[in-house]
């Protein structure tokens, strides 16, 4: 059984899943865990990776939050309309 370690805390679920997709596309196993989510209390989602892949995850993952246009592209595969 592999040890999984916290890689990054993300405030919203779509961004957490987008990060997982980026990691998976780069050969890093990853999953989202919902920790500290309580009704009426602001929480966060945690992206975890196997300990053996932690260094690679740091190498391939962006440091900043995803922009709305990046989330749309990751979800739909379509680029947002540049004119609007």
PDB file of N, CA and C in Angstrom:
ATOM      1  N   UNK A   1       0.833  -1.180   0.000  1.00  0.00           N
ATOM      2  CA  UNK A   1       0.000   0.000   0.000  1.00  0.00           C
ATOM      3  C   UNK A   1       0.885   1.254   0.000  1.00  0.00           C
ATOM      4  N   UNK A   2       0.583   2.176  -0.909  1.00  0.00           N
ATOM      5  CA  UNK A   2       1.382   3.390  -1.035  1.00  0.00           C
ATOM      6  C   UNK A   2       1.014   4.418   0.026  1.00  0.00           C
ATOM      7  N   UNK A   3       2.009   5.171   0.456  1.00  0.00           N
ATOM      8  CA  UNK A   3       1.759   6.318   1.324  1.00  0.00           C
ATOM      9  C   UNK A   3       1.452   7.519   0.440  1.00  0.00           C
ATOM     10  N   UNK A   4       0.333   8.198   0.730  1.00  0.00           N
ATOM     11  CA  UNK A   4      -0.041   9.406   0.017  1.00  0.00           C
ATOM     12  C   UNK A   4       0.222  10.588   0.927  1.00  0.00           C
ATOM     13  N   UNK A   5       0.695  11.659   0.345  1.00  0.00           N
ATOM     14  CA  UNK A   5       1.058  12.841   1.122  1.00  0.00           C
ATOM     15  C   UNK A   5       0.370  14.077   0.539  1.00  0.00           C
ATOM     16  N   UNK A   6       0.028  14.997   1.427  1.00  0.00           N
ATOM     17  CA  UNK A   6      -0.584  16.245   0.982  1.00  0.00           C
ATOM     18  C   UNK A   6       0.379  16.990   0.071  1.00  0.00           C
ATOM     19  N   UNK A   7      -0.127  17.382  -1.098  1.00  0.00           N
ATOM     20  CA  UNK A   7       0.682  18.164  -2.030  1.00  0.00           C
ATOM     21  C   UNK A   7       0.290  19.638  -1.973  1.00  0.00           C
ATOM     22  N   UNK A   8      -1.016  19.916  -2.057  1.00  0.00           N
ATOM     23  CA  UNK A   8      -1.454  21.311  -2.041  1.00  0.00           C
ATOM     24  C   UNK A   8      -2.887  21.414  -1.533  1.00  0.00           C
ATOM     25  N   UNK A   9      -3.149  22.481  -0.761  1.00  0.00           N
ATOM     26  CA  UNK A   9      -4.513  22.798  -0.302  1.00  0.00           C
ATOM     27  C   UNK A   9      -5.112  23.799  -1.280  1.00  0.00           C
ATOM     28  N   UNK A  10      -6.339  23.510  -1.708  1.00  0.00           N
ATOM     29  CA  UNK A  10      -7.019  24.336  -2.711  1.00  0.00           C
ATOM     30  C   UNK A  10      -8.377  24.743  -2.134  1.00  0.00           C
ATOM     31  N   UNK A  11      -8.757  26.020  -2.272  1.00  0.00           N
ATOM     32  CA  UNK A  11     -10.006  26.477  -1.655  1.00  0.00           C
ATOM     33  C   UNK A  11     -11.279  26.023  -2.357  1.00  0.00           C
ATOM     34  N   UNK A  12     -11.194  25.619  -3.640  1.00  0.00           N
ATOM     35  CA  UNK A  12     -12.422  25.217  -4.337  1.00  0.00           C
ATOM     36  C   UNK A  12     -12.221  23.901  -5.081  1.00  0.00           C
ATOM     37  N   UNK A  13     -13.306  23.154  -5.203  1.00  0.00           N
ATOM     38  CA  UNK A  13     -13.248  21.822  -5.787  1.00  0.00           C
ATOM     39  C   UNK A  13     -12.865  21.822  -7.273  1.00  0.00           C
ATOM     40  N   UNK A  14     -13.408  22.730  -8.122  1.00  0.00           N
ATOM     41  CA  UNK A  14     -13.003  22.697  -9.529  1.00  0.00           C
ATOM     42  C   UNK A  14     -11.497  22.907  -9.726  1.00  0.00           C
ATOM     43  N   UNK A  15     -10.907  23.798  -8.976  1.00  0.00           N
ATOM     44  CA  UNK A  15      -9.462  24.025  -9.093  1.00  0.00           C
ATOM     45  C   UNK A  15      -8.671  22.812  -8.612  1.00  0.00           C
ATOM     46  N   UNK A  16      -9.156  22.160  -7.563  1.00  0.00           N
ATOM     47  CA  UNK A  16      -8.480  20.961  -7.058  1.00  0.00           C
ATOM     48  C   UNK A  16      -8.510  19.854  -8.107  1.00  0.00           C
ATOM     49  N   UNK A  17      -9.674  19.652  -8.739  1.00  0.00           N
ATOM     50  CA  UNK A  17      -9.770  18.618  -9.775  1.00  0.00           C
ATOM     51  C   UNK A  17      -8.950  18.993 -11.011  1.00  0.00           C
ATOM     52  N   UNK A  18      -8.870  20.277 -11.337  1.00  0.00           N
ATOM     53  CA  UNK A  18      -8.046  20.711 -12.464  1.00  0.00           C
ATOM     54  C   UNK A  18      -6.574  20.411 -12.193  1.00  0.00           C
ATOM     55  N   UNK A  19      -6.123  20.655 -10.973  1.00  0.00           N
ATOM     56  CA  UNK A  19      -4.744  20.347 -10.610  1.00  0.00           C
ATOM     57  C   UNK A  19      -4.481  18.846 -10.716  1.00  0.00           C
ATOM     58  N   UNK A  20      -5.424  18.042 -10.262  1.00  0.00           N
ATOM     59  CA  UNK A  20      -5.277  16.586 -10.380  1.00  0.00           C
ATOM     60  C   UNK A  20      -5.134  16.192 -11.848  1.00  0.00           C
ATOM     61  N   UNK A  21      -5.931  16.795 -12.726  1.00  0.00           N
ATOM     62  CA  UNK A  21      -5.843  16.482 -14.160  1.00  0.00           C
ATOM     63  C   UNK A  21      -4.466  16.839 -14.726  1.00  0.00           C
ATOM     64  N   UNK A  22      -3.924  17.984 -14.318  1.00  0.00           N
ATOM     65  CA  UNK A  22      -2.584  18.381 -14.764  1.00  0.00           C
ATOM     66  C   UNK A  22      -1.554  17.362 -14.284  1.00  0.00           C
ATOM     67  N   UNK A  23      -1.655  16.962 -13.029  1.00  0.00           N
ATOM     68  CA  UNK A  23      -0.708  15.982 -12.490  1.00  0.00           C
ATOM     69  C   UNK A  23      -0.824  14.642 -13.214  1.00  0.00           C
ATOM     70  N   UNK A  24      -2.052  14.163 -13.405  1.00  0.00           N
ATOM     71  CA  UNK A  24      -2.255  12.883 -14.086  1.00  0.00           C
ATOM     72  C   UNK A  24      -1.714  12.929 -15.509  1.00  0.00           C
ATOM     73  N   UNK A  25      -1.928  14.043 -16.205  1.00  0.00           N
ATOM     74  CA  UNK A  25      -1.445  14.182 -17.577  1.00  0.00           C
ATOM     75  C   UNK A  25       0.080  14.152 -17.645  1.00  0.00           C
ATOM     76  N   UNK A  26       0.728  14.450 -16.533  1.00  0.00           N
ATOM     77  CA  UNK A  26       2.195  14.448 -16.467  1.00  0.00           C
ATOM     78  C   UNK A  26       2.743  13.221 -15.744  1.00  0.00           C
ATOM     79  N   UNK A  27       1.917  12.190 -15.618  1.00  0.00           N
ATOM     80  CA  UNK A  27       2.382  10.925 -15.062  1.00  0.00           C
ATOM     81  C   UNK A  27       2.472  10.868 -13.552  1.00  0.00           C
ATOM     82  N   UNK A  28       1.779  11.792 -12.866  1.00  0.00           N
ATOM     83  CA  UNK A  28       1.809  11.803 -11.406  1.00  0.00           C
ATOM     84  C   UNK A  28       0.446  11.351 -10.880  1.00  0.00           C
ATOM     85  N   UNK A  29       0.384  10.197 -10.215  1.00  0.00           N
ATOM     86  CA  UNK A  29      -0.889   9.789  -9.620  1.00  0.00           C
ATOM     87  C   UNK A  29      -1.337  10.832  -8.594  1.00  0.00           C
ATOM     88  N   UNK A  30      -2.606  11.169  -8.598  1.00  0.00           N
ATOM     89  CA  UNK A  30      -3.109  12.194  -7.680  1.00  0.00           C
ATOM     90  C   UNK A  30      -4.600  11.997  -7.469  1.00  0.00           C
ATOM     91  N   UNK A  31      -5.082  12.520  -6.350  1.00  0.00           N
ATOM     92  CA  UNK A  31      -6.518  12.491  -6.054  1.00  0.00           C
ATOM     93  C   UNK A  31      -6.849  13.660  -5.143  1.00  0.00           C
ATOM     94  N   UNK A  32      -8.136  13.966  -5.085  1.00  0.00           N
ATOM     95  CA  UNK A  32      -8.631  15.048  -4.238  1.00  0.00           C
ATOM     96  C   UNK A  32      -9.246  14.441  -2.992  1.00  0.00           C
ATOM     97  N   UNK A  33      -8.924  15.014  -1.855  1.00  0.00           N
ATOM     98  CA  UNK A  33      -9.563  14.644  -0.596  1.00  0.00           C
ATOM     99  C   UNK A  33     -10.225  15.890  -0.025  1.00  0.00           C
ATOM    100  N   UNK A  34     -11.436  15.735   0.455  1.00  0.00           N
ATOM    101  CA  UNK A  34     -12.153  16.862   1.060  1.00  0.00           C
ATOM    102  C   UNK A  34     -11.904  16.815   2.561  1.00  0.00           C
ATOM    103  N   UNK A  35     -11.060  17.712   3.022  1.00  0.00           N
ATOM    104  CA  UNK A  35     -10.742  17.776   4.448  1.00  0.00           C
ATOM    105  C   UNK A  35     -11.249  19.087   5.014  1.00  0.00           C
ATOM    106  N   UNK A  36     -11.601  19.055   6.252  1.00  0.00           N
ATOM    107  CA  UNK A  36     -12.043  20.252   6.962  1.00  0.00           C
ATOM    108  C   UNK A  36     -13.204  20.957   6.282  1.00  0.00           C
ATOM    109  N   UNK A  37     -14.138  20.191   5.714  1.00  0.00           N
ATOM    110  CA  UNK A  37     -15.338  20.776   5.133  1.00  0.00           C
ATOM    111  C   UNK A  37     -16.488  20.559   6.114  1.00  0.00           C
ATOM    112  N   UNK A  38     -16.919  21.629   6.732  1.00  0.00           N
ATOM    113  CA  UNK A  38     -18.017  21.580   7.680  1.00  0.00           C
ATOM    114  C   UNK A  38     -19.112  22.532   7.229  1.00  0.00           C
ATOM    115  N   UNK A  39     -20.375  22.182   7.398  1.00  0.00           N
ATOM    116  CA  UNK A  39     -21.451  23.092   7.006  1.00  0.00           C
ATOM    117  C   UNK A  39     -21.297  24.446   7.696  1.00  0.00           C
ATOM    118  N   UNK A  40     -21.344  25.504   6.898  1.00  0.00           N
ATOM    119  CA  UNK A  40     -21.262  26.854   7.437  1.00  0.00           C
ATOM    120  C   UNK A  40     -19.867  27.326   7.772  1.00  0.00           C
ATOM    121  N   UNK A  41     -18.866  26.480   7.548  1.00  0.00           N
ATOM    122  CA  UNK A  41     -17.481  26.848   7.834  1.00  0.00           C
ATOM    123  C   UNK A  41     -16.686  26.705   6.544  1.00  0.00           C
ATOM    124  N   UNK A  42     -15.925  27.741   6.220  1.00  0.00           N
ATOM    125  CA  UNK A  42     -15.124  27.681   5.000  1.00  0.00           C
ATOM    126  C   UNK A  42     -14.045  26.622   5.159  1.00  0.00           C
ATOM    127  N   UNK A  43     -13.923  25.762   4.171  1.00  0.00           N
ATOM    128  CA  UNK A  43     -12.940  24.695   4.231  1.00  0.00           C
ATOM    129  C   UNK A  43     -12.063  24.704   2.998  1.00  0.00           C
ATOM    130  N   UNK A  44     -11.444  23.584   2.739  1.00  0.00           N
ATOM    131  CA  UNK A  44     -10.563  23.472   1.587  1.00  0.00           C
ATOM    132  C   UNK A  44     -10.483  22.023   1.142  1.00  0.00           C
ATOM    133  N   UNK A  45      -9.981  21.838  -0.065  1.00  0.00           N
ATOM    134  CA  UNK A  45      -9.756  20.516  -0.623  1.00  0.00           C
ATOM    135  C   UNK A  45      -8.247  20.294  -0.671  1.00  0.00           C
ATOM    136  N   UNK A  46      -7.848  19.050  -0.522  1.00  0.00           N
ATOM    137  CA  UNK A  46      -6.429  18.711  -0.516  1.00  0.00           C
ATOM    138  C   UNK A  46      -6.138  17.786  -1.691  1.00  0.00           C
ATOM    139  N   UNK A  47      -5.129  18.137  -2.468  1.00  0.00           N
ATOM    140  CA  UNK A  47      -4.635  17.261  -3.528  1.00  0.00           C
ATOM    141  C   UNK A  47      -3.490  16.467  -2.915  1.00  0.00           C
ATOM    142  N   UNK A  48      -3.602  15.152  -3.010  1.00  0.00           N
ATOM    143  CA  UNK A  48      -2.574  14.273  -2.453  1.00  0.00           C
ATOM    144  C   UNK A  48      -1.942  13.463  -3.577  1.00  0.00           C
ATOM    145  N   UNK A  49      -0.671  13.129  -3.383  1.00  0.00           N
ATOM    146  CA  UNK A  49       0.082  12.312  -4.338  1.00  0.00           C
ATOM    147  C   UNK A  49       0.862  11.274  -3.536  1.00  0.00           C
ATOM    148  N   UNK A  50       1.238  10.160  -4.183  1.00  0.00           N
ATOM    149  CA  UNK A  50       2.095   9.211  -3.483  1.00  0.00           C
ATOM    150  C   UNK A  50       3.412   9.898  -3.101  1.00  0.00           C
ATOM    151  N   UNK A  51       3.925   9.563  -1.940  1.00  0.00           N
ATOM    152  CA  UNK A  51       5.148  10.175  -1.447  1.00  0.00           C
ATOM    153  C   UNK A  51       6.279  10.083  -2.468  1.00  0.00           C
ATOM    154  N   UNK A  52       6.362   8.985  -3.173  1.00  0.00           N
ATOM    155  CA  UNK A  52       7.426   8.797  -4.158  1.00  0.00           C
ATOM    156  C   UNK A  52       7.312   9.775  -5.330  1.00  0.00           C
ATOM    157  N   UNK A  53       6.137  10.370  -5.548  1.00  0.00           N
ATOM    158  CA  UNK A  53       5.919  11.282  -6.667  1.00  0.00           C
ATOM    159  C   UNK A  53       5.881  12.749  -6.234  1.00  0.00           C
ATOM    160  N   UNK A  54       6.124  13.032  -4.976  1.00  0.00           N
ATOM    161  CA  UNK A  54       6.009  14.396  -4.471  1.00  0.00           C
ATOM    162  C   UNK A  54       6.964  15.358  -5.184  1.00  0.00           C
ATOM    163  N   UNK A  55       8.193  14.956  -5.394  1.00  0.00           N
ATOM    164  CA  UNK A  55       9.154  15.828  -6.072  1.00  0.00           C
ATOM    165  C   UNK A  55       8.703  16.111  -7.503  1.00  0.00           C
ATOM    166  N   UNK A  56       8.256  15.091  -8.207  1.00  0.00           N
ATOM    167  CA  UNK A  56       7.786  15.279  -9.592  1.00  0.00           C
ATOM    168  C   UNK A  56       6.562  16.186  -9.622  1.00  0.00           C
ATOM    169  N   UNK A  57       5.664  16.040  -8.673  1.00  0.00           N
ATOM    170  CA  UNK A  57       4.472  16.891  -8.622  1.00  0.00           C
ATOM    171  C   UNK A  57       4.875  18.353  -8.473  1.00  0.00           C
ATOM    172  N   UNK A  58       5.836  18.618  -7.626  1.00  0.00           N
ATOM    173  CA  UNK A  58       6.314  19.997  -7.450  1.00  0.00           C
ATOM    174  C   UNK A  58       6.918  20.538  -8.738  1.00  0.00           C
ATOM    175  N   UNK A  59       7.519  19.672  -9.520  1.00  0.00           N
ATOM    176  CA  UNK A  59       8.171  20.079 -10.746  1.00  0.00           C
ATOM    177  C   UNK A  59       7.151  20.440 -11.841  1.00  0.00           C
ATOM    178  N   UNK A  60       6.069  19.672 -11.940  1.00  0.00           N
ATOM    179  CA  UNK A  60       5.150  19.857 -13.071  1.00  0.00           C
ATOM    180  C   UNK A  60       3.936  20.724 -12.764  1.00  0.00           C
ATOM    181  N   UNK A  61       3.624  20.937 -11.503  1.00  0.00           N
ATOM    182  CA  UNK A  61       2.382  21.641 -11.161  1.00  0.00           C
ATOM    183  C   UNK A  61       2.592  23.144 -11.062  1.00  0.00           C
ATOM    184  N   UNK A  62       1.647  23.907 -11.564  1.00  0.00           N
ATOM    185  CA  UNK A  62       1.745  25.364 -11.435  1.00  0.00           C
ATOM    186  C   UNK A  62       1.563  25.789  -9.984  1.00  0.00           C
ATOM    187  N   UNK A  63       2.179  26.885  -9.618  1.00  0.00           N
ATOM    188  CA  UNK A  63       2.080  27.389  -8.246  1.00  0.00           C
ATOM    189  C   UNK A  63       0.807  28.182  -7.998  1.00  0.00           C
ATOM    190  N   UNK A  64       0.313  28.873  -9.019  1.00  0.00           N
ATOM    191  CA  UNK A  64      -0.830  29.760  -8.821  1.00  0.00           C
ATOM    192  C   UNK A  64      -2.148  29.034  -9.043  1.00  0.00           C
ATOM    193  N   UNK A  65      -3.230  29.668  -8.605  1.00  0.00           N
ATOM    194  CA  UNK A  65      -4.570  29.144  -8.834  1.00  0.00           C
ATOM    195  C   UNK A  65      -4.888  29.217 -10.324  1.00  0.00           C
ATOM    196  N   UNK A  66      -5.810  28.360 -10.766  1.00  0.00           N
ATOM    197  CA  UNK A  66      -6.218  28.369 -12.156  1.00  0.00           C
ATOM    198  C   UNK A  66      -7.123  29.557 -12.432  1.00  0.00           C
ATOM    199  N   UNK A  67      -6.961  30.139 -13.625  1.00  0.00           N
ATOM    200  CA  UNK A  67      -7.858  31.195 -14.073  1.00  0.00           C
ATOM    201  C   UNK A  67      -9.150  30.547 -14.549  1.00  0.00           C
ATOM    202  N   UNK A  68     -10.226  31.334 -14.599  1.00  0.00           N
ATOM    203  CA  UNK A  68     -11.523  30.825 -15.042  1.00  0.00           C
ATOM    204  C   UNK A  68     -11.418  30.231 -16.448  1.00  0.00           C
ATOM    205  N   UNK A  69     -10.690  30.883 -17.343  1.00  0.00           N
ATOM    206  CA  UNK A  69     -10.554  30.383 -18.718  1.00  0.00           C
ATOM    207  C   UNK A  69      -9.827  29.035 -18.752  1.00  0.00           C
ATOM    208  N   UNK A  70      -8.870  28.830 -17.851  1.00  0.00           N
ATOM    209  CA  UNK A  70      -8.161  27.556 -17.795  1.00  0.00           C
ATOM    210  C   UNK A  70      -9.079  26.450 -17.293  1.00  0.00           C
ATOM    211  N   UNK A  71      -9.927  26.770 -16.319  1.00  0.00           N
ATOM    212  CA  UNK A  71     -10.883  25.778 -15.818  1.00  0.00           C
ATOM    213  C   UNK A  71     -11.869  25.381 -16.904  1.00  0.00           C
ATOM    214  N   UNK A  72     -12.337  26.365 -17.687  1.00  0.00           N
ATOM    215  CA  UNK A  72     -13.264  26.076 -18.787  1.00  0.00           C
ATOM    216  C   UNK A  72     -12.589  25.151 -19.795  1.00  0.00           C
ATOM    217  N   UNK A  73     -11.346  25.453 -20.147  1.00  0.00           N
ATOM    218  CA  UNK A  73     -10.633  24.615 -21.108  1.00  0.00           C
ATOM    219  C   UNK A  73     -10.435  23.199 -20.571  1.00  0.00           C
ATOM    220  N   UNK A  74     -10.028  23.064 -19.316  1.00  0.00           N
ATOM    221  CA  UNK A  74      -9.820  21.732 -18.740  1.00  0.00           C
ATOM    222  C   UNK A  74     -11.121  20.941 -18.651  1.00  0.00           C
ATOM    223  N   UNK A  75     -12.234  21.624 -18.408  1.00  0.00           N
ATOM    224  CA  UNK A  75     -13.521  20.950 -18.269  1.00  0.00           C
ATOM    225  C   UNK A  75     -14.132  20.579 -19.613  1.00  0.00           C
ATOM    226  N   UNK A  76     -13.949  21.443 -20.620  1.00  0.00           N
ATOM    227  CA  UNK A  76     -14.654  21.252 -21.891  1.00  0.00           C
ATOM    228  C   UNK A  76     -13.747  20.964 -23.071  1.00  0.00           C
ATOM    229  N   UNK A  77     -12.466  21.324 -22.950  1.00  0.00           N
ATOM    230  CA  UNK A  77     -11.556  21.184 -24.066  1.00  0.00           C
ATOM    231  C   UNK A  77     -11.686  22.301 -25.080  1.00  0.00           C
ATOM    232  N   UNK A  78     -12.529  23.278 -24.776  1.00  0.00           N
ATOM    233  CA  UNK A  78     -12.754  24.394 -25.688  1.00  0.00           C
ATOM    234  C   UNK A  78     -12.105  25.663 -25.131  1.00  0.00           C
ATOM    235  N   UNK A  79     -11.508  26.425 -26.030  1.00  0.00           N
ATOM    236  CA  UNK A  79     -10.935  27.696 -25.638  1.00  0.00           C
ATOM    237  C   UNK A  79     -12.048  28.742 -25.522  1.00  0.00           C
ATOM    238  N   UNK A  80     -11.996  29.598 -24.514  1.00  0.00           N
ATOM    239  CA  UNK A  80     -13.009  30.636 -24.385  1.00  0.00           C
ATOM    240  C   UNK A  80     -12.943  31.620 -25.557  1.00  0.00           C
ATOM    241  N   UNK A  81     -14.074  32.233 -25.856  1.00  0.00           N
ATOM    242  CA  UNK A  81     -14.158  33.236 -26.926  1.00  0.00           C
ATOM    243  C   UNK A  81     -13.320  34.439 -26.559  1.00  0.00           C
ATOM    244  N   UNK A  82     -12.324  34.769 -27.363  1.00  0.00           N
ATOM    245  CA  UNK A  82     -11.424  35.876 -27.083  1.00  0.00           C
ATOM    246  C   UNK A  82     -12.074  37.239 -27.312  1.00  0.00           C
ATOM    247  N   UNK A  83     -13.184  37.290 -28.062  1.00  0.00           N
ATOM    248  CA  UNK A  83     -13.815  38.572 -28.356  1.00  0.00           C
ATOM    249  C   UNK A  83     -14.722  39.048 -27.238  1.00  0.00           C
ATOM    250  N   UNK A  84     -15.086  38.174 -26.325  1.00  0.00           N
ATOM    251  CA  UNK A  84     -16.076  38.554 -25.340  1.00  0.00           C
ATOM    252  C   UNK A  84     -15.577  38.710 -23.999  1.00  0.00           C
TER     253      UNK A  84
END
